[in-house]
């Protein structure tokens, strides 16, 4: 579970960090005084809970909360302020909670118990990405069908890139290489991205994609994946790499070679 804490006051941020560390000892706590650096953090790390001061410099806490929801619709926003003046605006954002300062451990624990969206052990990973052999993507055990076959390939590329933001240009280069007019491909890519968004939203799993302007990434901790499990656990993994990886995509050959090297090294260590 990743918790983002943002407060322009260094002392207040220190106090919030200590409270969160005590209230949620298993959580990764990411603290920022700047809303802009906090947003940059959220673009590369899936944020489950955000504790935000409403009156932030550069980018206000309410605006930051909206950007965080754009990146991950399932994020839990908990606002803090000395007064309730922004309570209605927080309510319109469907915030999970609102705490009046001074922030106490008791109030934080109350909000963590009553989160709007489940996180951590309470969040079931409904999605499974199969990469060994041919790529397939399942939600609740059923393969997902997209309007366009290329949409599925985009999702495969994001899974292959293991959480790294992948730009539109990189997607076009991987899917079409030097084939055709890049301007037409950009227009087509917009349709593919919309198809991906629409399909995942219909299945209520759109939080697995971390989006920013001009790029996307898979939220690696939001899905089950044979590749991720095998890379982490090696011989202890429930999945067994047998030399086949995303066979239907030519761009996967580089990762395929990487996995072969890892597999050979594992055999040498046996």
C-alpha atoms as a PDB file:
ATOM      1  CA  UNK A   1       0.000   0.000   0.000  1.00  0.00           C
ATOM      2  CA  UNK A   2       1.389   3.381  -1.043  1.00  0.00           C
ATOM      3  CA  UNK A   3       0.389   6.514   0.874  1.00  0.00           C
ATOM      4  CA  UNK A   4       1.201   9.966  -0.474  1.00  0.00           C
ATOM      5  CA  UNK A   5       1.356  12.813   2.070  1.00  0.00           C
ATOM      6  CA  UNK A   6       1.613  16.426   0.876  1.00  0.00           C
ATOM      7  CA  UNK A   7       1.844  19.498   3.093  1.00  0.00           C
ATOM      8  CA  UNK A   8       3.671  22.767   2.473  1.00  0.00           C
ATOM      9  CA  UNK A   9       4.785  22.914   6.123  1.00  0.00           C
ATOM     10  CA  UNK A  10       7.889  20.858   6.835  1.00  0.00           C
ATOM     11  CA  UNK A  11       6.890  20.402  10.494  1.00  0.00           C
ATOM     12  CA  UNK A  12       3.307  19.396   9.644  1.00  0.00           C
ATOM     13  CA  UNK A  13       4.606  16.947   7.043  1.00  0.00           C
ATOM     14  CA  UNK A  14       6.988  15.417   9.575  1.00  0.00           C
ATOM     15  CA  UNK A  15       4.129  14.986  12.047  1.00  0.00           C
ATOM     16  CA  UNK A  16       1.893  13.383   9.397  1.00  0.00           C
ATOM     17  CA  UNK A  17       4.667  10.992   8.374  1.00  0.00           C
ATOM     18  CA  UNK A  18       5.128   9.838  11.980  1.00  0.00           C
ATOM     19  CA  UNK A  19       1.376   9.399  12.449  1.00  0.00           C
ATOM     20  CA  UNK A  20       1.018   7.424   9.210  1.00  0.00           C
ATOM     21  CA  UNK A  21       4.021   5.246  10.068  1.00  0.00           C
ATOM     22  CA  UNK A  22       2.338   4.333  13.343  1.00  0.00           C
ATOM     23  CA  UNK A  23      -1.195   3.970  11.957  1.00  0.00           C
ATOM     24  CA  UNK A  24      -0.161   2.007   8.846  1.00  0.00           C
ATOM     25  CA  UNK A  25       3.187   0.337   9.630  1.00  0.00           C
ATOM     26  CA  UNK A  26       3.142  -1.832   6.482  1.00  0.00           C
ATOM     27  CA  UNK A  27       2.583   1.077   4.112  1.00  0.00           C
ATOM     28  CA  UNK A  28       5.136   2.822   1.902  1.00  0.00           C
ATOM     29  CA  UNK A  29       4.858   6.503   2.851  1.00  0.00           C
ATOM     30  CA  UNK A  30       5.857   9.091   0.239  1.00  0.00           C
ATOM     31  CA  UNK A  31       6.099  12.658   1.541  1.00  0.00           C
ATOM     32  CA  UNK A  32       6.343  15.902  -0.426  1.00  0.00           C
ATOM     33  CA  UNK A  33       6.217  19.582   0.459  1.00  0.00           C
ATOM     34  CA  UNK A  34       5.565  20.450  -3.193  1.00  0.00           C
ATOM     35  CA  UNK A  35       2.374  19.469  -4.978  1.00  0.00           C
ATOM     36  CA  UNK A  36       4.270  19.363  -8.284  1.00  0.00           C
ATOM     37  CA  UNK A  37       6.866  16.868  -7.072  1.00  0.00           C
ATOM     38  CA  UNK A  38       4.033  14.877  -5.493  1.00  0.00           C
ATOM     39  CA  UNK A  39       2.280  14.726  -8.865  1.00  0.00           C
ATOM     40  CA  UNK A  40       5.510  13.584 -10.515  1.00  0.00           C
ATOM     41  CA  UNK A  41       5.726  10.827  -7.894  1.00  0.00           C
ATOM     42  CA  UNK A  42       2.166   9.714  -8.668  1.00  0.00           C
ATOM     43  CA  UNK A  43       2.980   9.449 -12.354  1.00  0.00           C
ATOM     44  CA  UNK A  44       5.454   6.671 -11.677  1.00  0.00           C
ATOM     45  CA  UNK A  45       4.001   5.063  -8.522  1.00  0.00           C
ATOM     46  CA  UNK A  46       0.449   3.851  -7.972  1.00  0.00           C
ATOM     47  CA  UNK A  47      -0.970   5.853  -5.058  1.00  0.00           C
ATOM     48  CA  UNK A  48      -3.584   4.085  -2.934  1.00  0.00           C
ATOM     49  CA  UNK A  49      -4.147   6.852  -0.364  1.00  0.00           C
ATOM     50  CA  UNK A  50      -3.309  10.548  -0.553  1.00  0.00           C
ATOM     51  CA  UNK A  51      -3.307  12.743   2.562  1.00  0.00           C
ATOM     52  CA  UNK A  52      -3.400  16.297   1.213  1.00  0.00           C
ATOM     53  CA  UNK A  53      -3.395  19.735   2.760  1.00  0.00           C
ATOM     54  CA  UNK A  54      -6.035  21.704   0.840  1.00  0.00           C
ATOM     55  CA  UNK A  55      -4.031  24.970   0.835  1.00  0.00           C
ATOM     56  CA  UNK A  56      -0.925  23.964  -1.102  1.00  0.00           C
ATOM     57  CA  UNK A  57       1.308  26.359  -3.049  1.00  0.00           C
ATOM     58  CA  UNK A  58       1.871  25.915  -6.811  1.00  0.00           C
ATOM     59  CA  UNK A  59      -1.039  23.522  -7.261  1.00  0.00           C
ATOM     60  CA  UNK A  60      -3.820  23.506  -4.677  1.00  0.00           C
ATOM     61  CA  UNK A  61      -4.704  20.328  -2.848  1.00  0.00           C
ATOM     62  CA  UNK A  62      -8.076  20.059  -4.569  1.00  0.00           C
ATOM     63  CA  UNK A  63      -6.543  20.358  -8.014  1.00  0.00           C
ATOM     64  CA  UNK A  64      -3.838  17.864  -7.036  1.00  0.00           C
ATOM     65  CA  UNK A  65      -6.541  15.477  -5.872  1.00  0.00           C
ATOM     66  CA  UNK A  66      -8.272  15.710  -9.257  1.00  0.00           C
ATOM     67  CA  UNK A  67      -5.014  14.934 -11.051  1.00  0.00           C
ATOM     68  CA  UNK A  68      -4.439  11.962  -8.756  1.00  0.00           C
ATOM     69  CA  UNK A  69      -7.932  10.679  -9.578  1.00  0.00           C
ATOM     70  CA  UNK A  70      -7.177  11.040 -13.275  1.00  0.00           C
ATOM     71  CA  UNK A  71      -4.105   8.848 -12.792  1.00  0.00           C
ATOM     72  CA  UNK A  72      -5.890   6.348 -10.548  1.00  0.00           C
ATOM     73  CA  UNK A  73      -9.689   6.586 -10.205  1.00  0.00           C
ATOM     74  CA  UNK A  74      -9.519   4.307  -7.143  1.00  0.00           C
ATOM     75  CA  UNK A  75      -7.248   6.580  -5.110  1.00  0.00           C
ATOM     76  CA  UNK A  76      -8.524   7.480  -1.626  1.00  0.00           C
ATOM     77  CA  UNK A  77      -8.249  11.223  -0.992  1.00  0.00           C
ATOM     78  CA  UNK A  78      -8.038  12.349   2.632  1.00  0.00           C
ATOM     79  CA  UNK A  79      -7.899  16.123   3.049  1.00  0.00           C
ATOM     80  CA  UNK A  80      -6.576  18.046   6.019  1.00  0.00           C
ATOM     81  CA  UNK A  81      -7.047  21.711   6.923  1.00  0.00           C
ATOM     82  CA  UNK A  82      -7.427  24.000   9.917  1.00  0.00           C
ATOM     83  CA  UNK A  83     -11.042  24.680   8.939  1.00  0.00           C
ATOM     84  CA  UNK A  84     -13.864  22.972   7.061  1.00  0.00           C
ATOM     85  CA  UNK A  85     -13.964  25.678   4.384  1.00  0.00           C
ATOM     86  CA  UNK A  86     -13.019  23.246   1.587  1.00  0.00           C
ATOM     87  CA  UNK A  87     -15.215  20.421   2.831  1.00  0.00           C
ATOM     88  CA  UNK A  88     -17.866  20.842   0.124  1.00  0.00           C
ATOM     89  CA  UNK A  89     -15.284  20.914  -2.668  1.00  0.00           C
ATOM     90  CA  UNK A  90     -13.666  17.787  -1.237  1.00  0.00           C
ATOM     91  CA  UNK A  91     -17.088  16.152  -1.174  1.00  0.00           C
ATOM     92  CA  UNK A  92     -17.563  16.924  -4.876  1.00  0.00           C
ATOM     93  CA  UNK A  93     -14.285  15.093  -5.541  1.00  0.00           C
ATOM     94  CA  UNK A  94     -15.714  12.073  -3.685  1.00  0.00           C
ATOM     95  CA  UNK A  95     -12.911  12.299  -1.144  1.00  0.00           C
ATOM     96  CA  UNK A  96     -12.633   9.463   1.331  1.00  0.00           C
ATOM     97  CA  UNK A  97     -12.218  11.738   4.347  1.00  0.00           C
ATOM     98  CA  UNK A  98     -11.578  15.214   5.771  1.00  0.00           C
ATOM     99  CA  UNK A  99      -9.555  15.850   8.931  1.00  0.00           C
ATOM    100  CA  UNK A 100      -9.389  19.118  10.824  1.00  0.00           C
ATOM    101  CA  UNK A 101      -5.919  20.053  12.083  1.00  0.00           C
ATOM    102  CA  UNK A 102      -4.197  19.225  14.322  1.00  0.00           C
ATOM    103  CA  UNK A 103      -4.030  15.759  12.755  1.00  0.00           C
ATOM    104  CA  UNK A 104      -4.074  12.969  15.339  1.00  0.00           C
ATOM    105  CA  UNK A 105      -3.304   9.282  15.048  1.00  0.00           C
ATOM    106  CA  UNK A 106      -6.808   8.449  16.244  1.00  0.00           C
ATOM    107  CA  UNK A 107      -8.423  10.470  13.421  1.00  0.00           C
ATOM    108  CA  UNK A 108      -6.094   9.001  10.817  1.00  0.00           C
ATOM    109  CA  UNK A 109      -6.864   5.458  11.958  1.00  0.00           C
ATOM    110  CA  UNK A 110     -10.584   6.219  11.738  1.00  0.00           C
ATOM    111  CA  UNK A 111     -10.189   7.365   8.140  1.00  0.00           C
ATOM    112  CA  UNK A 112      -8.039   4.367   7.192  1.00  0.00           C
ATOM    113  CA  UNK A 113     -10.733   2.024   8.469  1.00  0.00           C
ATOM    114  CA  UNK A 114     -13.448   3.806   6.455  1.00  0.00           C
ATOM    115  CA  UNK A 115     -11.675   4.147   3.098  1.00  0.00           C
ATOM    116  CA  UNK A 116     -13.888   4.663   0.077  1.00  0.00           C
ATOM    117  CA  UNK A 117     -11.883   2.203  -2.054  1.00  0.00           C
ATOM    118  CA  UNK A 118     -10.275  -1.002  -0.687  1.00  0.00           C
ATOM    119  CA  UNK A 119      -6.483  -1.225  -0.784  1.00  0.00           C
ATOM    120  CA  UNK A 120      -3.705  -3.646   0.057  1.00  0.00           C
ATOM    121  CA  UNK A 121      -4.857  -7.017   1.329  1.00  0.00           C
ATOM    122  CA  UNK A 122      -8.477  -5.902   1.040  1.00  0.00           C
ATOM    123  CA  UNK A 123      -8.153  -5.283  -2.716  1.00  0.00           C
ATOM    124  CA  UNK A 124      -8.629  -8.359  -4.845  1.00  0.00           C
ATOM    125  CA  UNK A 125      -6.504  -8.496  -7.980  1.00  0.00           C
ATOM    126  CA  UNK A 126      -9.198  -9.172 -10.538  1.00  0.00           C
ATOM    127  CA  UNK A 127      -6.832  -8.946 -13.500  1.00  0.00           C
ATOM    128  CA  UNK A 128      -4.365 -11.551 -14.711  1.00  0.00           C
ATOM    129  CA  UNK A 129      -1.859 -10.977 -17.519  1.00  0.00           C
ATOM    130  CA  UNK A 130      -0.559 -14.138 -19.181  1.00  0.00           C
ATOM    131  CA  UNK A 131       2.725 -13.445 -20.947  1.00  0.00           C
ATOM    132  CA  UNK A 132       4.306 -16.911 -21.183  1.00  0.00           C
ATOM    133  CA  UNK A 133       3.262 -18.341 -24.544  1.00  0.00           C
ATOM    134  CA  UNK A 134       0.758 -16.016 -26.215  1.00  0.00           C
ATOM    135  CA  UNK A 135      -0.337 -12.866 -24.414  1.00  0.00           C
ATOM    136  CA  UNK A 136      -3.826 -12.939 -22.926  1.00  0.00           C
ATOM    137  CA  UNK A 137      -5.504 -10.651 -20.430  1.00  0.00           C
ATOM    138  CA  UNK A 138      -8.205 -11.878 -18.049  1.00  0.00           C
ATOM    139  CA  UNK A 139     -10.626 -10.108 -15.730  1.00  0.00           C
ATOM    140  CA  UNK A 140     -12.411 -12.300 -13.195  1.00  0.00           C
ATOM    141  CA  UNK A 141     -11.051 -15.336 -15.029  1.00  0.00           C
ATOM    142  CA  UNK A 142     -12.523 -14.377 -18.417  1.00  0.00           C
ATOM    143  CA  UNK A 143     -10.440 -13.229 -21.421  1.00  0.00           C
ATOM    144  CA  UNK A 144     -11.014  -9.586 -22.303  1.00  0.00           C
ATOM    145  CA  UNK A 145     -12.149  -8.680 -25.811  1.00  0.00           C
ATOM    146  CA  UNK A 146     -11.391  -5.266 -27.273  1.00  0.00           C
ATOM    147  CA  UNK A 147     -12.921  -3.499 -30.261  1.00  0.00           C
ATOM    148  CA  UNK A 148      -9.519  -3.414 -31.977  1.00  0.00           C
ATOM    149  CA  UNK A 149      -6.849  -6.129 -31.893  1.00  0.00           C
ATOM    150  CA  UNK A 150      -4.188  -3.431 -31.587  1.00  0.00           C
ATOM    151  CA  UNK A 151      -5.717  -2.336 -28.277  1.00  0.00           C
ATOM    152  CA  UNK A 152      -4.783  -5.673 -26.771  1.00  0.00           C
ATOM    153  CA  UNK A 153      -1.274  -5.237 -28.148  1.00  0.00           C
ATOM    154  CA  UNK A 154      -0.946  -1.862 -26.421  1.00  0.00           C
ATOM    155  CA  UNK A 155      -1.913  -3.490 -23.133  1.00  0.00           C
ATOM    156  CA  UNK A 156       0.663  -6.232 -23.792  1.00  0.00           C
ATOM    157  CA  UNK A 157       3.331  -3.569 -24.387  1.00  0.00           C
ATOM    158  CA  UNK A 158       2.486  -1.811 -21.119  1.00  0.00           C
ATOM    159  CA  UNK A 159       2.706  -5.125 -19.236  1.00  0.00           C
ATOM    160  CA  UNK A 160       6.030  -5.837 -20.956  1.00  0.00           C
ATOM    161  CA  UNK A 161       7.383  -2.441 -19.855  1.00  0.00           C
ATOM    162  CA  UNK A 162       6.699  -3.314 -16.179  1.00  0.00           C
ATOM    163  CA  UNK A 163       5.381  -0.027 -14.882  1.00  0.00           C
ATOM    164  CA  UNK A 164       7.507   2.339 -16.961  1.00  0.00           C
ATOM    165  CA  UNK A 165       5.600   5.191 -18.575  1.00  0.00           C
ATOM    166  CA  UNK A 166       5.399   4.427 -22.301  1.00  0.00           C
ATOM    167  CA  UNK A 167       4.963   7.409 -24.616  1.00  0.00           C
ATOM    168  CA  UNK A 168       2.666   7.552 -27.614  1.00  0.00           C
ATOM    169  CA  UNK A 169       5.733   7.679 -29.845  1.00  0.00           C
ATOM    170  CA  UNK A 170       7.139   4.527 -28.262  1.00  0.00           C
ATOM    171  CA  UNK A 171       3.818   2.756 -28.711  1.00  0.00           C
ATOM    172  CA  UNK A 172       3.663   3.732 -32.388  1.00  0.00           C
ATOM    173  CA  UNK A 173       7.280   2.672 -32.947  1.00  0.00           C
ATOM    174  CA  UNK A 174       6.668  -0.719 -31.341  1.00  0.00           C
ATOM    175  CA  UNK A 175       3.344  -1.514 -32.987  1.00  0.00           C
ATOM    176  CA  UNK A 176       3.998  -0.213 -36.495  1.00  0.00           C
ATOM    177  CA  UNK A 177       7.768   0.304 -36.681  1.00  0.00           C
ATOM    178  CA  UNK A 178       8.277   2.302 -39.937  1.00  0.00           C
ATOM    179  CA  UNK A 179       4.988   1.262 -41.506  1.00  0.00           C
ATOM    180  CA  UNK A 180       2.876   4.099 -42.880  1.00  0.00           C
ATOM    181  CA  UNK A 181       2.104   7.745 -42.146  1.00  0.00           C
ATOM    182  CA  UNK A 182       2.915   8.643 -38.485  1.00  0.00           C
ATOM    183  CA  UNK A 183       0.153  11.302 -38.416  1.00  0.00           C
ATOM    184  CA  UNK A 184      -2.458   8.714 -39.377  1.00  0.00           C
ATOM    185  CA  UNK A 185      -1.011   6.341 -36.791  1.00  0.00           C
ATOM    186  CA  UNK A 186      -1.361   9.033 -34.104  1.00  0.00           C
ATOM    187  CA  UNK A 187      -5.039   9.412 -34.942  1.00  0.00           C
ATOM    188  CA  UNK A 188      -5.510   5.652 -34.879  1.00  0.00           C
ATOM    189  CA  UNK A 189      -3.663   5.461 -31.559  1.00  0.00           C
ATOM    190  CA  UNK A 190      -6.164   7.902 -30.042  1.00  0.00           C
ATOM    191  CA  UNK A 191      -8.946   5.489 -30.973  1.00  0.00           C
ATOM    192  CA  UNK A 192      -7.012   2.580 -29.470  1.00  0.00           C
ATOM    193  CA  UNK A 193      -6.396   4.429 -26.215  1.00  0.00           C
ATOM    194  CA  UNK A 194     -10.098   5.276 -26.010  1.00  0.00           C
ATOM    195  CA  UNK A 195     -10.997   1.634 -26.667  1.00  0.00           C
ATOM    196  CA  UNK A 196      -8.658   0.578 -23.859  1.00  0.00           C
ATOM    197  CA  UNK A 197     -10.165   3.145 -21.484  1.00  0.00           C
ATOM    198  CA  UNK A 198     -13.751   2.273 -22.391  1.00  0.00           C
ATOM    199  CA  UNK A 199     -13.217  -1.471 -22.042  1.00  0.00           C
ATOM    200  CA  UNK A 200     -11.432  -1.287 -18.690  1.00  0.00           C
ATOM    201  CA  UNK A 201     -13.960   1.236 -17.360  1.00  0.00           C
ATOM    202  CA  UNK A 202     -16.847  -1.048 -18.361  1.00  0.00           C
ATOM    203  CA  UNK A 203     -15.150  -3.870 -16.440  1.00  0.00           C
ATOM    204  CA  UNK A 204     -14.443  -1.470 -13.527  1.00  0.00           C
ATOM    205  CA  UNK A 205     -10.682  -2.089 -13.592  1.00  0.00           C
ATOM    206  CA  UNK A 206      -9.556   1.188 -15.192  1.00  0.00           C
ATOM    207  CA  UNK A 207      -7.303   1.858 -12.188  1.00  0.00           C
ATOM    208  CA  UNK A 208      -4.739  -0.606 -13.560  1.00  0.00           C
ATOM    209  CA  UNK A 209      -3.582   2.054 -16.045  1.00  0.00           C
ATOM    210  CA  UNK A 210      -1.567   5.041 -14.832  1.00  0.00           C
ATOM    211  CA  UNK A 211      -2.064   7.805 -17.372  1.00  0.00           C
ATOM    212  CA  UNK A 212      -0.460  11.117 -18.031  1.00  0.00           C
ATOM    213  CA  UNK A 213      -0.510  13.383 -21.050  1.00  0.00           C
ATOM    214  CA  UNK A 214       1.102  11.528 -23.928  1.00  0.00           C
ATOM    215  CA  UNK A 215       2.003   8.332 -22.066  1.00  0.00           C
ATOM    216  CA  UNK A 216       0.641   5.387 -20.084  1.00  0.00           C
ATOM    217  CA  UNK A 217       1.916   2.715 -17.689  1.00  0.00           C
ATOM    218  CA  UNK A 218       0.569  -0.443 -16.097  1.00  0.00           C
ATOM    219  CA  UNK A 219       0.092  -0.374 -12.322  1.00  0.00           C
ATOM    220  CA  UNK A 220       2.209  -3.456 -11.626  1.00  0.00           C
ATOM    221  CA  UNK A 221       0.889  -3.992  -8.111  1.00  0.00           C
ATOM    222  CA  UNK A 222      -2.734  -3.895  -9.298  1.00  0.00           C
ATOM    223  CA  UNK A 223      -2.554  -7.011 -11.484  1.00  0.00           C
ATOM    224  CA  UNK A 224      -1.431 -10.624 -11.222  1.00  0.00           C
ATOM    225  CA  UNK A 225       1.112 -11.496 -13.902  1.00  0.00           C
ATOM    226  CA  UNK A 226       3.128 -14.642 -14.566  1.00  0.00           C
ATOM    227  CA  UNK A 227       6.113 -12.560 -15.703  1.00  0.00           C
ATOM    228  CA  UNK A 228       6.184 -10.377 -12.595  1.00  0.00           C
ATOM    229  CA  UNK A 229       5.760 -13.323 -10.251  1.00  0.00           C
ATOM    230  CA  UNK A 230       8.507 -15.337 -11.962  1.00  0.00           C
ATOM    231  CA  UNK A 231      10.972 -12.433 -12.009  1.00  0.00           C
ATOM    232  CA  UNK A 232      10.381 -11.821  -8.303  1.00  0.00           C
ATOM    233  CA  UNK A 233      10.317 -15.397  -7.012  1.00  0.00           C
ATOM    234  CA  UNK A 234      12.294 -17.325  -9.647  1.00  0.00           C
ATOM    235  CA  UNK A 235      12.157 -21.043  -8.752  1.00  0.00           C
ATOM    236  CA  UNK A 236       9.620 -20.360  -6.003  1.00  0.00           C
ATOM    237  CA  UNK A 237       7.133 -18.901  -8.490  1.00  0.00           C
ATOM    238  CA  UNK A 238       3.901 -20.704  -9.247  1.00  0.00           C
ATOM    239  CA  UNK A 239       4.591 -19.961 -12.934  1.00  0.00           C
ATOM    240  CA  UNK A 240       7.240 -21.682 -15.016  1.00  0.00           C
ATOM    241  CA  UNK A 241       8.998 -19.940 -17.904  1.00  0.00           C
ATOM    242  CA  UNK A 242       9.432 -22.533 -20.671  1.00  0.00           C
ATOM    243  CA  UNK A 243      11.096 -20.363 -23.313  1.00  0.00           C
ATOM    244  CA  UNK A 244       7.976 -18.758 -24.825  1.00  0.00           C
ATOM    245  CA  UNK A 245       7.013 -15.147 -24.257  1.00  0.00           C
ATOM    246  CA  UNK A 246       4.309 -13.056 -25.966  1.00  0.00           C
ATOM    247  CA  UNK A 247       4.797 -15.120 -29.088  1.00  0.00           C
ATOM    248  CA  UNK A 248       2.460 -13.061 -31.278  1.00  0.00           C
ATOM    249  CA  UNK A 249       4.450  -9.800 -30.955  1.00  0.00           C
ATOM    250  CA  UNK A 250       7.804  -9.227 -32.681  1.00  0.00           C
ATOM    251  CA  UNK A 251       8.772  -6.355 -30.375  1.00  0.00           C
ATOM    252  CA  UNK A 252       8.753  -8.812 -27.427  1.00  0.00           C
ATOM    253  CA  UNK A 253      11.898 -10.549 -28.686  1.00  0.00           C
ATOM    254  CA  UNK A 254      14.176  -8.305 -26.617  1.00  0.00           C
ATOM    255  CA  UNK A 255      12.445  -9.240 -23.367  1.00  0.00           C
ATOM    256  CA  UNK A 256      12.339 -12.834 -24.597  1.00  0.00           C
ATOM    257  CA  UNK A 257      16.138 -12.824 -24.860  1.00  0.00           C
ATOM    258  CA  UNK A 258      16.421 -11.281 -21.384  1.00  0.00           C
ATOM    259  CA  UNK A 259      14.220 -13.995 -19.891  1.00  0.00           C
ATOM    260  CA  UNK A 260      16.280 -16.704 -21.610  1.00  0.00           C
ATOM    261  CA  UNK A 261      19.447 -15.341 -19.993  1.00  0.00           C
ATOM    262  CA  UNK A 262      17.796 -15.278 -16.574  1.00  0.00           C
ATOM    263  CA  UNK A 263      16.515 -18.819 -17.075  1.00  0.00           C
ATOM    264  CA  UNK A 264      19.946 -20.109 -18.122  1.00  0.00           C
ATOM    265  CA  UNK A 265      21.536 -18.472 -15.060  1.00  0.00           C
ATOM    266  CA  UNK A 266      18.943 -20.130 -12.834  1.00  0.00           C
ATOM    267  CA  UNK A 267      19.777 -23.529 -14.348  1.00  0.00           C
ATOM    268  CA  UNK A 268      23.501 -22.932 -13.764  1.00  0.00           C
ATOM    269  CA  UNK A 269      22.797 -22.138 -10.106  1.00  0.00           C
ATOM    270  CA  UNK A 270      20.746 -25.278  -9.631  1.00  0.00           C
END
